[in-house]
Amino acid sequence: MILVGELLDLPPGESVRVHGEVAIAVFNVDGELYAIDDTCSHQDASLSDGWLEGCAVECPLHAACFDLRTGMPSGPPAKKPVRTHAVTVEDGMVYVHESTRVGSTVAEEVG
């Protein structure tokens, strides 16, 4: 588990970058927390610096969009998905459970 921080420090509509095996972006979408690899699969750009719209983030470099629930891009220029990661909240603290592969689910990773 990777400690993200206090839930109060990640209000709805905001994101934060944390470091695991690779950088991970954690987003608060109207109280639901999502985590994906922070680097756009099209080119090196931080997705945590992107624009959040619903359950999607738009890369700030070339406007590739990724679904925060699946990591799948919605179209060009990105063609490859990014990994998604499980997020839990315990005693007001947010944790990311780093997944090992693209397309894994919370049930597969957290058990």
PDB file of N, CA and C in Angstrom:
ATOM      1  N   MET A   1       0.844  -1.188   0.000  1.00  0.00           N
ATOM      2  CA  MET A   1       0.000   0.000   0.000  1.00  0.00           C
ATOM      3  C   MET A   1       0.881   1.240   0.000  1.00  0.00           C
ATOM      4  N   ILE A   2       0.421   2.241  -0.705  1.00  0.00           N
ATOM      5  CA  ILE A   2       1.114   3.520  -0.757  1.00  0.00           C
ATOM      6  C   ILE A   2       0.230   4.556  -0.084  1.00  0.00           C
ATOM      7  N   LEU A   3       0.757   5.234   0.902  1.00  0.00           N
ATOM      8  CA  LEU A   3       0.010   6.289   1.582  1.00  0.00           C
ATOM      9  C   LEU A   3      -0.078   7.505   0.672  1.00  0.00           C
ATOM     10  N   VAL A   4      -1.301   7.965   0.421  1.00  0.00           N
ATOM     11  CA  VAL A   4      -1.530   9.168  -0.377  1.00  0.00           C
ATOM     12  C   VAL A   4      -1.589  10.377   0.539  1.00  0.00           C
ATOM     13  N   GLY A   5      -2.324  10.248   1.626  1.00  0.00           N
ATOM     14  CA  GLY A   5      -2.495  11.349   2.572  1.00  0.00           C
ATOM     15  C   GLY A   5      -3.895  11.341   3.139  1.00  0.00           C
ATOM     16  N   GLU A   6      -4.251  12.447   3.777  1.00  0.00           N
ATOM     17  CA  GLU A   6      -5.579  12.556   4.366  1.00  0.00           C
ATOM     18  C   GLU A   6      -6.626  12.816   3.292  1.00  0.00           C
ATOM     19  N   LEU A   7      -7.783  12.191   3.447  1.00  0.00           N
ATOM     20  CA  LEU A   7      -8.887  12.380   2.515  1.00  0.00           C
ATOM     21  C   LEU A   7      -9.286  13.846   2.434  1.00  0.00           C
ATOM     22  N   LEU A   8      -9.238  14.559   3.543  1.00  0.00           N
ATOM     23  CA  LEU A   8      -9.605  15.981   3.565  1.00  0.00           C
ATOM     24  C   LEU A   8      -8.687  16.830   2.684  1.00  0.00           C
ATOM     25  N   ASP A   9      -7.482  16.343   2.419  1.00  0.00           N
ATOM     26  CA  ASP A   9      -6.531  17.074   1.588  1.00  0.00           C
ATOM     27  C   ASP A   9      -6.705  16.813   0.092  1.00  0.00           C
ATOM     28  N   LEU A  10      -7.695  15.973  -0.264  1.00  0.00           N
ATOM     29  CA  LEU A  10      -7.984  15.670  -1.661  1.00  0.00           C
ATOM     30  C   LEU A  10      -9.468  15.916  -1.934  1.00  0.00           C
ATOM     31  N   PRO A  11      -9.857  17.185  -2.048  1.00  0.00           N
ATOM     32  CA  PRO A  11     -11.274  17.507  -2.244  1.00  0.00           C
ATOM     33  C   PRO A  11     -11.767  17.107  -3.636  1.00  0.00           C
ATOM     34  N   PRO A  12     -13.083  16.995  -3.817  1.00  0.00           N
ATOM     35  CA  PRO A  12     -13.646  16.661  -5.129  1.00  0.00           C
ATOM     36  C   PRO A  12     -13.128  17.602  -6.216  1.00  0.00           C
ATOM     37  N   GLY A  13     -12.809  17.005  -7.364  1.00  0.00           N
ATOM     38  CA  GLY A  13     -12.306  17.770  -8.500  1.00  0.00           C
ATOM     39  C   GLY A  13     -10.805  17.955  -8.506  1.00  0.00           C
ATOM     40  N   GLU A  14     -10.123  17.434  -7.495  1.00  0.00           N
ATOM     41  CA  GLU A  14      -8.674  17.607  -7.374  1.00  0.00           C
ATOM     42  C   GLU A  14      -7.945  16.287  -7.603  1.00  0.00           C
ATOM     43  N   SER A  15      -6.644  16.399  -7.822  1.00  0.00           N
ATOM     44  CA  SER A  15      -5.795  15.224  -7.999  1.00  0.00           C
ATOM     45  C   SER A  15      -4.478  15.449  -7.284  1.00  0.00           C
ATOM     46  N   VAL A  16      -3.767  14.351  -7.077  1.00  0.00           N
ATOM     47  CA  VAL A  16      -2.449  14.396  -6.446  1.00  0.00           C
ATOM     48  C   VAL A  16      -1.593  13.304  -7.070  1.00  0.00           C
ATOM     49  N   ARG A  17      -0.298  13.544  -7.133  1.00  0.00           N
ATOM     50  CA  ARG A  17       0.639  12.557  -7.651  1.00  0.00           C
ATOM     51  C   ARG A  17       1.376  11.922  -6.480  1.00  0.00           C
ATOM     52  N   VAL A  18       1.489  10.597  -6.505  1.00  0.00           N
ATOM     53  CA  VAL A  18       2.258   9.865  -5.500  1.00  0.00           C
ATOM     54  C   VAL A  18       3.244   8.964  -6.226  1.00  0.00           C
ATOM     55  N   HIS A  19       4.239   8.507  -5.498  1.00  0.00           N
ATOM     56  CA  HIS A  19       5.266   7.674  -6.127  1.00  0.00           C
ATOM     57  C   HIS A  19       5.161   6.232  -5.643  1.00  0.00           C
ATOM     58  N   GLY A  20       5.062   5.343  -6.612  1.00  0.00           N
ATOM     59  CA  GLY A  20       5.108   3.908  -6.363  1.00  0.00           C
ATOM     60  C   GLY A  20       6.221   3.370  -7.231  1.00  0.00           C
ATOM     61  N   GLU A  21       5.984   2.231  -7.855  1.00  0.00           N
ATOM     62  CA  GLU A  21       6.940   1.714  -8.839  1.00  0.00           C
ATOM     63  C   GLU A  21       7.138   2.758  -9.941  1.00  0.00           C
ATOM     64  N   VAL A  22       6.035   3.392 -10.321  1.00  0.00           N
ATOM     65  CA  VAL A  22       6.024   4.556 -11.211  1.00  0.00           C
ATOM     66  C   VAL A  22       5.127   5.598 -10.552  1.00  0.00           C
ATOM     67  N   ALA A  23       5.135   6.820 -11.073  1.00  0.00           N
ATOM     68  CA  ALA A  23       4.252   7.860 -10.527  1.00  0.00           C
ATOM     69  C   ALA A  23       2.793   7.466 -10.775  1.00  0.00           C
ATOM     70  N   ILE A  24       1.952   7.730  -9.783  1.00  0.00           N
ATOM     71  CA  ILE A  24       0.524   7.409  -9.840  1.00  0.00           C
ATOM     72  C   ILE A  24      -0.272   8.677  -9.559  1.00  0.00           C
ATOM     73  N   ALA A  25      -1.322   8.897 -10.342  1.00  0.00           N
ATOM     74  CA  ALA A  25      -2.218  10.034 -10.141  1.00  0.00           C
ATOM     75  C   ALA A  25      -3.478   9.548  -9.438  1.00  0.00           C
ATOM     76  N   VAL A  26      -3.864  10.232  -8.369  1.00  0.00           N
ATOM     77  CA  VAL A  26      -5.080   9.899  -7.622  1.00  0.00           C
ATOM     78  C   VAL A  26      -6.054  11.053  -7.789  1.00  0.00           C
ATOM     79  N   PHE A  27      -7.283  10.732  -8.192  1.00  0.00           N
ATOM     80  CA  PHE A  27      -8.305  11.734  -8.480  1.00  0.00           C
ATOM     81  C   PHE A  27      -9.510  11.551  -7.566  1.00  0.00           C
ATOM     82  N   ASN A  28     -10.116  12.656  -7.159  1.00  0.00           N
ATOM     83  CA  ASN A  28     -11.375  12.632  -6.419  1.00  0.00           C
ATOM     84  C   ASN A  28     -12.456  13.137  -7.362  1.00  0.00           C
ATOM     85  N   VAL A  29     -13.342  12.220  -7.778  1.00  0.00           N
ATOM     86  CA  VAL A  29     -14.441  12.557  -8.679  1.00  0.00           C
ATOM     87  C   VAL A  29     -15.726  12.502  -7.865  1.00  0.00           C
ATOM     88  N   ASP A  30     -16.157  13.659  -7.396  1.00  0.00           N
ATOM     89  CA  ASP A  30     -17.391  13.761  -6.602  1.00  0.00           C
ATOM     90  C   ASP A  30     -17.429  12.758  -5.456  1.00  0.00           C
ATOM     91  N   GLY A  31     -16.302  12.594  -4.768  1.00  0.00           N
ATOM     92  CA  GLY A  31     -16.238  11.703  -3.617  1.00  0.00           C
ATOM     93  C   GLY A  31     -15.773  10.297  -3.917  1.00  0.00           C
ATOM     94  N   GLU A  32     -15.700   9.913  -5.180  1.00  0.00           N
ATOM     95  CA  GLU A  32     -15.163   8.609  -5.581  1.00  0.00           C
ATOM     96  C   GLU A  32     -13.692   8.792  -5.926  1.00  0.00           C
ATOM     97  N   LEU A  33     -12.840   7.922  -5.412  1.00  0.00           N
ATOM     98  CA  LEU A  33     -11.406   8.033  -5.644  1.00  0.00           C
ATOM     99  C   LEU A  33     -10.953   7.033  -6.697  1.00  0.00           C
ATOM    100  N   TYR A  34     -10.124   7.504  -7.622  1.00  0.00           N
ATOM    101  CA  TYR A  34      -9.579   6.683  -8.696  1.00  0.00           C
ATOM    102  C   TYR A  34      -8.087   6.923  -8.774  1.00  0.00           C
ATOM    103  N   ALA A  35      -7.339   5.897  -9.175  1.00  0.00           N
ATOM    104  CA  ALA A  35      -5.897   6.034  -9.351  1.00  0.00           C
ATOM    105  C   ALA A  35      -5.479   5.360 -10.653  1.00  0.00           C
ATOM    106  N   ILE A  36      -4.640   6.070 -11.406  1.00  0.00           N
ATOM    107  CA  ILE A  36      -4.087   5.549 -12.659  1.00  0.00           C
ATOM    108  C   ILE A  36      -2.604   5.917 -12.708  1.00  0.00           C
ATOM    109  N   ASP A  37      -1.859   5.245 -13.590  1.00  0.00           N
ATOM    110  CA  ASP A  37      -0.485   5.671 -13.809  1.00  0.00           C
ATOM    111  C   ASP A  37      -0.505   7.135 -14.230  1.00  0.00           C
ATOM    112  N   ASP A  38       0.428   7.906 -13.709  1.00  0.00           N
ATOM    113  CA  ASP A  38       0.422   9.354 -13.942  1.00  0.00           C
ATOM    114  C   ASP A  38       0.942   9.751 -15.313  1.00  0.00           C
ATOM    115  N   THR A  39       1.676   8.893 -15.985  1.00  0.00           N
ATOM    116  CA  THR A  39       2.281   9.271 -17.260  1.00  0.00           C
ATOM    117  C   THR A  39       1.407   8.832 -18.429  1.00  0.00           C
ATOM    118  N   CYS A  40       1.084   9.784 -19.298  1.00  0.00           N
ATOM    119  CA  CYS A  40       0.293   9.510 -20.501  1.00  0.00           C
ATOM    120  C   CYS A  40       1.002   8.448 -21.333  1.00  0.00           C
ATOM    121  N   SER A  41       0.246   7.503 -21.869  1.00  0.00           N
ATOM    122  CA  SER A  41       0.831   6.425 -22.670  1.00  0.00           C
ATOM    123  C   SER A  41       1.213   6.897 -24.075  1.00  0.00           C
ATOM    124  N   HIS A  42       0.803   8.099 -24.454  1.00  0.00           N
ATOM    125  CA  HIS A  42       1.158   8.639 -25.765  1.00  0.00           C
ATOM    126  C   HIS A  42       2.522   9.312 -25.735  1.00  0.00           C
ATOM    127  N   GLN A  43       2.746  10.141 -24.726  1.00  0.00           N
ATOM    128  CA  GLN A  43       4.006  10.847 -24.594  1.00  0.00           C
ATOM    129  C   GLN A  43       4.164  11.251 -23.135  1.00  0.00           C
ATOM    130  N   ASP A  44       5.366  11.498 -22.704  1.00  0.00           N
ATOM    131  CA  ASP A  44       5.610  11.812 -21.294  1.00  0.00           C
ATOM    132  C   ASP A  44       4.943  13.106 -20.875  1.00  0.00           C
ATOM    133  N   ALA A  45       3.809  12.984 -20.223  1.00  0.00           N
ATOM    134  CA  ALA A  45       3.104  14.125 -19.650  1.00  0.00           C
ATOM    135  C   ALA A  45       2.387  13.631 -18.397  1.00  0.00           C
ATOM    136  N   SER A  46       2.308  14.475 -17.405  1.00  0.00           N
ATOM    137  CA  SER A  46       1.679  14.113 -16.137  1.00  0.00           C
ATOM    138  C   SER A  46       0.163  14.241 -16.238  1.00  0.00           C
ATOM    139  N   LEU A  47      -0.538  13.122 -16.055  1.00  0.00           N
ATOM    140  CA  LEU A  47      -2.003  13.155 -16.113  1.00  0.00           C
ATOM    141  C   LEU A  47      -2.600  13.854 -14.902  1.00  0.00           C
ATOM    142  N   SER A  48      -1.874  13.883 -13.777  1.00  0.00           N
ATOM    143  CA  SER A  48      -2.386  14.600 -12.604  1.00  0.00           C
ATOM    144  C   SER A  48      -2.438  16.103 -12.862  1.00  0.00           C
ATOM    145  N   ASP A  49      -1.730  16.579 -13.891  1.00  0.00           N
ATOM    146  CA  ASP A  49      -1.788  17.988 -14.293  1.00  0.00           C
ATOM    147  C   ASP A  49      -2.859  18.234 -15.343  1.00  0.00           C
ATOM    148  N   GLY A  50      -3.588  17.180 -15.721  1.00  0.00           N
ATOM    149  CA  GLY A  50      -4.595  17.290 -16.768  1.00  0.00           C
ATOM    150  C   GLY A  50      -5.918  17.845 -16.263  1.00  0.00           C
ATOM    151  N   TRP A  51      -6.897  17.854 -17.152  1.00  0.00           N
ATOM    152  CA  TRP A  51      -8.223  18.390 -16.856  1.00  0.00           C
ATOM    153  C   TRP A  51      -9.190  17.248 -16.596  1.00  0.00           C
ATOM    154  N   LEU A  52      -9.855  17.303 -15.465  1.00  0.00           N
ATOM    155  CA  LEU A  52     -10.797  16.276 -15.036  1.00  0.00           C
ATOM    156  C   LEU A  52     -12.191  16.629 -15.525  1.00  0.00           C
ATOM    157  N   GLU A  53     -12.818  15.685 -16.232  1.00  0.00           N
ATOM    158  CA  GLU A  53     -14.198  15.849 -16.688  1.00  0.00           C
ATOM    159  C   GLU A  53     -14.929  14.547 -16.431  1.00  0.00           C
ATOM    160  N   GLY A  54     -15.784  14.544 -15.411  1.00  0.00           N
ATOM    161  CA  GLY A  54     -16.463  13.313 -15.032  1.00  0.00           C
ATOM    162  C   GLY A  54     -15.426  12.291 -14.620  1.00  0.00           C
ATOM    163  N   CYS A  55     -15.524  11.086 -15.166  1.00  0.00           N
ATOM    164  CA  CYS A  55     -14.575  10.019 -14.849  1.00  0.00           C
ATOM    165  C   CYS A  55     -13.480   9.919 -15.898  1.00  0.00           C
ATOM    166  N   ALA A  56     -13.117  11.032 -16.498  1.00  0.00           N
ATOM    167  CA  ALA A  56     -12.043  11.042 -17.495  1.00  0.00           C
ATOM    168  C   ALA A  56     -11.081  12.178 -17.195  1.00  0.00           C
ATOM    169  N   VAL A  57      -9.831  11.960 -17.583  1.00  0.00           N
ATOM    170  CA  VAL A  57      -8.826  13.011 -17.468  1.00  0.00           C
ATOM    171  C   VAL A  57      -8.254  13.250 -18.859  1.00  0.00           C
ATOM    172  N   GLU A  58      -8.076  14.528 -19.187  1.00  0.00           N
ATOM    173  CA  GLU A  58      -7.493  14.917 -20.459  1.00  0.00           C
ATOM    174  C   GLU A  58      -6.036  15.286 -20.244  1.00  0.00           C
ATOM    175  N   CYS A  59      -5.166  14.659 -20.993  1.00  0.00           N
ATOM    176  CA  CYS A  59      -3.734  14.929 -20.892  1.00  0.00           C
ATOM    177  C   CYS A  59      -3.456  16.385 -21.278  1.00  0.00           C
ATOM    178  N   PRO A  60      -2.621  17.084 -20.511  1.00  0.00           N
ATOM    179  CA  PRO A  60      -2.355  18.487 -20.805  1.00  0.00           C
ATOM    180  C   PRO A  60      -1.454  18.708 -22.023  1.00  0.00           C
ATOM    181  N   LEU A  61      -0.834  17.647 -22.531  1.00  0.00           N
ATOM    182  CA  LEU A  61       0.106  17.823 -23.638  1.00  0.00           C
ATOM    183  C   LEU A  61      -0.561  17.754 -25.007  1.00  0.00           C
ATOM    184  N   HIS A  62      -1.276  16.665 -25.292  1.00  0.00           N
ATOM    185  CA  HIS A  62      -1.886  16.493 -26.615  1.00  0.00           C
ATOM    186  C   HIS A  62      -3.370  16.140 -26.549  1.00  0.00           C
ATOM    187  N   ALA A  63      -4.007  16.346 -25.399  1.00  0.00           N
ATOM    188  CA  ALA A  63      -5.455  16.186 -25.226  1.00  0.00           C
ATOM    189  C   ALA A  63      -5.956  14.749 -25.338  1.00  0.00           C
ATOM    190  N   ALA A  64      -5.105  13.764 -25.124  1.00  0.00           N
ATOM    191  CA  ALA A  64      -5.588  12.383 -25.051  1.00  0.00           C
ATOM    192  C   ALA A  64      -6.416  12.256 -23.774  1.00  0.00           C
ATOM    193  N   CYS A  65      -7.522  11.527 -23.838  1.00  0.00           N
ATOM    194  CA  CYS A  65      -8.390  11.345 -22.668  1.00  0.00           C
ATOM    195  C   CYS A  65      -8.351   9.891 -22.220  1.00  0.00           C
ATOM    196  N   PHE A  66      -8.359   9.708 -20.895  1.00  0.00           N
ATOM    197  CA  PHE A  66      -8.335   8.371 -20.312  1.00  0.00           C
ATOM    198  C   PHE A  66      -9.481   8.223 -19.324  1.00  0.00           C
ATOM    199  N   ASP A  67     -10.163   7.063 -19.388  1.00  0.00           N
ATOM    200  CA  ASP A  67     -11.218   6.737 -18.437  1.00  0.00           C
ATOM    201  C   ASP A  67     -10.549   6.339 -17.129  1.00  0.00           C
ATOM    202  N   LEU A  68     -10.885   7.012 -16.042  1.00  0.00           N
ATOM    203  CA  LEU A  68     -10.262   6.737 -14.752  1.00  0.00           C
ATOM    204  C   LEU A  68     -10.650   5.376 -14.199  1.00  0.00           C
ATOM    205  N   ARG A  69     -11.783   4.830 -14.634  1.00  0.00           N
ATOM    206  CA  ARG A  69     -12.240   3.525 -14.142  1.00  0.00           C
ATOM    207  C   ARG A  69     -11.520   2.368 -14.804  1.00  0.00           C
ATOM    208  N   THR A  70     -11.126   2.541 -16.068  1.00  0.00           N
ATOM    209  CA  THR A  70     -10.543   1.436 -16.827  1.00  0.00           C
ATOM    210  C   THR A  70      -9.120   1.700 -17.305  1.00  0.00           C
ATOM    211  N   GLY A  71      -8.723   2.955 -17.360  1.00  0.00           N
ATOM    212  CA  GLY A  71      -7.427   3.329 -17.903  1.00  0.00           C
ATOM    213  C   GLY A  71      -7.393   3.391 -19.418  1.00  0.00           C
ATOM    214  N   MET A  72      -8.521   3.095 -20.063  1.00  0.00           N
ATOM    215  CA  MET A  72      -8.579   3.063 -21.523  1.00  0.00           C
ATOM    216  C   MET A  72      -8.626   4.478 -22.102  1.00  0.00           C
ATOM    217  N   PRO A  73      -7.882   4.703 -23.195  1.00  0.00           N
ATOM    218  CA  PRO A  73      -7.974   5.994 -23.875  1.00  0.00           C
ATOM    219  C   PRO A  73      -9.257   6.049 -24.688  1.00  0.00           C
ATOM    220  N   SER A  74      -9.795   7.252 -24.844  1.00  0.00           N
ATOM    221  CA  SER A  74     -11.038   7.385 -25.616  1.00  0.00           C
ATOM    222  C   SER A  74     -10.765   7.573 -27.100  1.00  0.00           C
ATOM    223  N   GLY A  75      -9.522   7.760 -27.463  1.00  0.00           N
ATOM    224  CA  GLY A  75      -9.170   7.921 -28.870  1.00  0.00           C
ATOM    225  C   GLY A  75      -7.796   8.528 -29.014  1.00  0.00           C
ATOM    226  N   PRO A  76      -7.393   8.783 -30.254  1.00  0.00           N
ATOM    227  CA  PRO A  76      -6.070   9.324 -30.518  1.00  0.00           C
ATOM    228  C   PRO A  76      -5.866  10.671 -29.807  1.00  0.00           C
ATOM    229  N   PRO A  77      -4.627  10.995 -29.520  1.00  0.00           N
ATOM    230  CA  PRO A  77      -3.430  10.321 -30.010  1.00  0.00           C
ATOM    231  C   PRO A  77      -3.010   9.107 -29.176  1.00  0.00           C
ATOM    232  N   ALA A  78      -3.549   8.922 -27.987  1.00  0.00           N
ATOM    233  CA  ALA A  78      -3.179   7.756 -27.168  1.00  0.00           C
ATOM    234  C   ALA A  78      -3.860   6.506 -27.719  1.00  0.00           C
ATOM    235  N   LYS A  79      -3.100   5.418 -27.767  1.00  0.00           N
ATOM    236  CA  LYS A  79      -3.645   4.147 -28.232  1.00  0.00           C
ATOM    237  C   LYS A  79      -3.576   3.078 -27.160  1.00  0.00           C
ATOM    238  N   LYS A  80      -2.651   3.241 -26.207  1.00  0.00           N
ATOM    239  CA  LYS A  80      -2.466   2.251 -25.155  1.00  0.00           C
ATOM    240  C   LYS A  80      -3.092   2.734 -23.857  1.00  0.00           C
ATOM    241  N   PRO A  81      -3.701   1.824 -23.097  1.00  0.00           N
ATOM    242  CA  PRO A  81      -4.258   2.205 -21.799  1.00  0.00           C
ATOM    243  C   PRO A  81      -3.161   2.430 -20.767  1.00  0.00           C
ATOM    244  N   VAL A  82      -3.527   3.046 -19.671  1.00  0.00           N
ATOM    245  CA  VAL A  82      -2.649   3.166 -18.510  1.00  0.00           C
ATOM    246  C   VAL A  82      -3.188   2.236 -17.438  1.00  0.00           C
ATOM    247  N   ARG A  83      -2.316   1.833 -16.501  1.00  0.00           N
ATOM    248  CA  ARG A  83      -2.769   0.957 -15.414  1.00  0.00           C
ATOM    249  C   ARG A  83      -3.697   1.712 -14.480  1.00  0.00           C
ATOM    250  N   THR A  84      -4.664   0.999 -13.948  1.00  0.00           N
ATOM    251  CA  THR A  84      -5.511   1.525 -12.876  1.00  0.00           C
ATOM    252  C   THR A  84      -5.077   0.856 -11.580  1.00  0.00           C
ATOM    253  N   HIS A  85      -5.358   1.524 -10.472  1.00  0.00           N
ATOM    254  CA  HIS A  85      -4.957   1.018  -9.162  1.00  0.00           C
ATOM    255  C   HIS A  85      -6.123   1.149  -8.192  1.00  0.00           C
ATOM    256  N   ALA A  86      -6.228   0.204  -7.298  1.00  0.00           N
ATOM    257  CA  ALA A  86      -7.272   0.245  -6.270  1.00  0.00           C
ATOM    258  C   ALA A  86      -6.941   1.342  -5.257  1.00  0.00           C
ATOM    259  N   VAL A  87      -7.985   1.980  -4.748  1.00  0.00           N
ATOM    260  CA  VAL A  87      -7.829   3.025  -3.734  1.00  0.00           C
ATOM    261  C   VAL A  87      -8.731   2.670  -2.554  1.00  0.00           C
ATOM    262  N   THR A  88      -8.193   2.772  -1.349  1.00  0.00           N
ATOM    263  CA  THR A  88      -8.995   2.553  -0.151  1.00  0.00           C
ATOM    264  C   THR A  88      -8.798   3.724   0.797  1.00  0.00           C
ATOM    265  N   VAL A  89      -9.798   3.891   1.675  1.00  0.00           N
ATOM    266  CA  VAL A  89      -9.724   4.909   2.723  1.00  0.00           C
ATOM    267  C   VAL A  89      -9.885   4.191   4.050  1.00  0.00           C
ATOM    268  N   GLU A  90      -8.920   4.387   4.945  1.00  0.00           N
ATOM    269  CA  GLU A  90      -8.958   3.791   6.274  1.00  0.00           C
ATOM    270  C   GLU A  90      -8.676   4.877   7.300  1.00  0.00           C
ATOM    271  N   ASP A  91      -9.615   5.077   8.205  1.00  0.00           N
ATOM    272  CA  ASP A  91      -9.458   6.077   9.258  1.00  0.00           C
ATOM    273  C   ASP A  91      -9.108   7.454   8.697  1.00  0.00           C
ATOM    274  N   GLY A  92      -9.747   7.818   7.582  1.00  0.00           N
ATOM    275  CA  GLY A  92      -9.548   9.128   6.989  1.00  0.00           C
ATOM    276  C   GLY A  92      -8.288   9.274   6.160  1.00  0.00           C
ATOM    277  N   MET A  93      -7.526   8.187   6.017  1.00  0.00           N
ATOM    278  CA  MET A  93      -6.297   8.207   5.230  1.00  0.00           C
ATOM    279  C   MET A  93      -6.521   7.451   3.915  1.00  0.00           C
ATOM    280  N   VAL A  94      -5.991   8.001   2.824  1.00  0.00           N
ATOM    281  CA  VAL A  94      -6.145   7.416   1.494  1.00  0.00           C
ATOM    282  C   VAL A  94      -4.906   6.589   1.162  1.00  0.00           C
ATOM    283  N   TYR A  95      -5.149   5.379   0.640  1.00  0.00           N
ATOM    284  CA  TYR A  95      -4.070   4.480   0.239  1.00  0.00           C
ATOM    285  C   TYR A  95      -4.312   3.985  -1.186  1.00  0.00           C
ATOM    286  N   VAL A  96      -3.235   3.798  -1.926  1.00  0.00           N
ATOM    287  CA  VAL A  96      -3.287   3.196  -3.251  1.00  0.00           C
ATOM    288  C   VAL A  96      -2.663   1.814  -3.155  1.00  0.00           C
ATOM    289  N   HIS A  97      -3.316   0.851  -3.771  1.00  0.00           N
ATOM    290  CA  HIS A  97      -2.803  -0.512  -3.878  1.00  0.00           C
ATOM    291  C   HIS A  97      -2.315  -0.658  -5.315  1.00  0.00           C
ATOM    292  N   GLU A  98      -1.015  -0.570  -5.497  1.00  0.00           N
ATOM    293  CA  GLU A  98      -0.448  -0.561  -6.834  1.00  0.00           C
ATOM    294  C   GLU A  98      -0.709  -1.881  -7.541  1.00  0.00           C
ATOM    295  N   SER A  99      -1.305  -1.808  -8.733  1.00  0.00           N
ATOM    296  CA  SER A  99      -1.578  -3.017  -9.500  1.00  0.00           C
ATOM    297  C   SER A  99      -0.341  -3.410 -10.292  1.00  0.00           C
ATOM    298  N   THR A 100      -0.349  -4.625 -10.753  1.00  0.00           N
ATOM    299  CA  THR A 100       0.819  -5.141 -11.459  1.00  0.00           C
ATOM    300  C   THR A 100       0.636  -5.188 -12.962  1.00  0.00           C
ATOM    301  N   ARG A 101      -0.591  -4.963 -13.433  1.00  0.00           N
ATOM    302  CA  ARG A 101      -0.801  -5.053 -14.882  1.00  0.00           C
ATOM    303  C   ARG A 101      -1.954  -4.153 -15.316  1.00  0.00           C
ATOM    304  N   VAL A 102      -1.957  -3.836 -16.605  1.00  0.00           N
ATOM    305  CA  VAL A 102      -3.034  -3.052 -17.205  1.00  0.00           C
ATOM    306  C   VAL A 102      -4.294  -3.893 -17.220  1.00  0.00           C
ATOM    307  N   GLY A 103      -5.423  -3.286 -16.864  1.00  0.00           N
ATOM    308  CA  GLY A 103      -6.698  -3.965 -16.947  1.00  0.00           C
ATOM    309  C   GLY A 103      -7.057  -4.811 -15.744  1.00  0.00           C
ATOM    310  N   SER A 104      -6.252  -4.799 -14.683  1.00  0.00           N
ATOM    311  CA  SER A 104      -6.607  -5.567 -13.491  1.00  0.00           C
ATOM    312  C   SER A 104      -7.740  -4.864 -12.758  1.00  0.00           C
ATOM    313  N   THR A 105      -8.433  -5.610 -11.920  1.00  0.00           N
ATOM    314  CA  THR A 105      -9.552  -5.039 -11.194  1.00  0.00           C
ATOM    315  C   THR A 105      -9.221  -4.939  -9.708  1.00  0.00           C
ATOM    316  N   VAL A 106     -10.016  -4.176  -9.000  1.00  0.00           N
ATOM    317  CA  VAL A 106      -9.833  -4.036  -7.562  1.00  0.00           C
ATOM    318  C   VAL A 106      -9.895  -5.392  -6.897  1.00  0.00           C
ATOM    319  N   ALA A 107     -10.855  -6.234  -7.286  1.00  0.00           N
ATOM    320  CA  ALA A 107     -11.010  -7.560  -6.666  1.00  0.00           C
ATOM    321  C   ALA A 107      -9.773  -8.429  -6.887  1.00  0.00           C
ATOM    322  N   GLU A 108      -9.189  -8.343  -8.083  1.00  0.00           N
ATOM    323  CA  GLU A 108      -8.008  -9.143  -8.381  1.00  0.00           C
ATOM    324  C   GLU A 108      -6.784  -8.661  -7.605  1.00  0.00           C
ATOM    325  N   GLU A 109      -6.670  -7.361  -7.411  1.00  0.00           N
ATOM    326  CA  GLU A 109      -5.477  -6.800  -6.788  1.00  0.00           C
ATOM    327  C   GLU A 109      -5.550  -6.749  -5.278  1.00  0.00           C
ATOM    328  N   VAL A 110      -6.729  -6.428  -4.695  1.00  0.00           N
ATOM    329  CA  VAL A 110      -6.846  -6.281  -3.256  1.00  0.00           C
ATOM    330  C   VAL A 110      -7.302  -7.566  -2.615  1.00  0.00           C
ATOM    331  N   GLY A 111      -8.094  -8.364  -3.351  1.00  0.00           N
ATOM    332  CA  GLY A 111      -8.489  -9.682  -2.889  1.00  0.00           C
ATOM    333  C   GLY A 111      -9.677  -9.668  -2.018  1.00  0.00           C
TER     334      GLY A 111
END
